[in-house]
Amino acid sequence: GHIVRNWKVRWFVLLQDKLLYYKIEGGKKEPSPKGRILLDGCTITCPCLEYENRPLLIKLKTKTNTDYFLECCSREERDSWALDITGAIHAGHPVQVQELHRMKNSFKLLDNISLHNIVERMYDSSTGIKLTRNLDQGNRYKETFTGSALVDWLISNSFAVSRFEAVTLASMLMDENFIRPVGTRSTEAMRFSDPSEKFLDDSTALYMFAENGKKNTSSKEEVQFNISELSGTIVKQGFLVKQGHKRKNWKVRRFVLRADPAFLHYYDPTKEENKPVGGFSLRGCLVSALEDNGVPAGVKGNVQGNLFKIITKNDIHYYIQASSKAERVQWIEAIKPL
């Protein structure tokens, strides 16, 4: 409502240039509509995340700067209305309408998209994804978000233009261990090989930030802690090959070993920004060489040998390949005292 900010059920009829709404379903018993929204010069926002407890909103802003918030009954209904309203807004431009329908079912991620940038934005205290408590089969999970909430957030923040695109992007975040599934539905989906099935665009599928994917937040203590991680004296650095946690693929990373405090960080050499893509404290870790005769359990893919393993105090296993036996010995001997 415009005067009293309450929510009322209305029957909507979409015409080519306007959106009419009636008090009674069908509008047959009313001589005239309760109101109308002229679509000429209108802008549409969907998904609209301005109301935290109303994820099914469409926002329309008229050319006279009047805001209308319309709530649908499901995400499918919301997206269908949004597509048709957008088509009506651009009705005089058939090429744009065709492009909208093509984008709905297309997949083309932005060329320069950065998963680290997405995660940093997700952690933003004001514009990031909202973390809530959720219940799944009697288990309570703190600081989680649903699959459909993340898809909405990715589209709303222009990281994706369609739900299919957002699901694929969310799957990439999961594969790179930035987020992880919790609860029955999302965990079971991990057994599918198709990226679009691993991550569920569903309001009952739960996810949370993975601990080693966590980025700086607005908390001053956490920012200081992250800065202190990188403030130690560099003991050793160089290029090694690391196995991923989810995909189990091997990627070249630049490793930096620091003392006081003792941390091992790794960087993506293809990125210009000098920010680690991962790292961990060496306190309580175990480091050991792995034999070259055969592939050890937990290791997959193209293994050239010269492997060593680091197990953190949280029982996270890192498998790393050096370029030679001598280099492997050097790294292990440098890590052990720390």
Foldseek 3Di string as FASTA:
>chain_A
DVPPPDDADWAWDDDLFKIFTANDHPCPVPPGTPDMGGLAQKDKAPQDPPDVVQRQWIWIQHPVGDIDIDGDDDNVVSVVVVLVSVCSSCVVPVVVNVVSVCQQPDADFDPPDDLLVLLQQLQEPPLHQDFAWDDAPNDIDGGKAALLSQLRSCCNVPRGVYSQRSQLSVLVCVQQQQKHWDHDPQVVQCVDPDSSSNGDSDRNTMMHGGPFNHDDHPDPVVVVVVVQQVPFAWPDKDWWWWQGPRPRDIDIWIWTFGVNPTKIFTPHPVDPDPDTSGIDGLVPKDKDWDDQPDDDPPHDDDDPGQWMWIAHPVRDIIIIHDPDVVVSVVVVVSSVVD
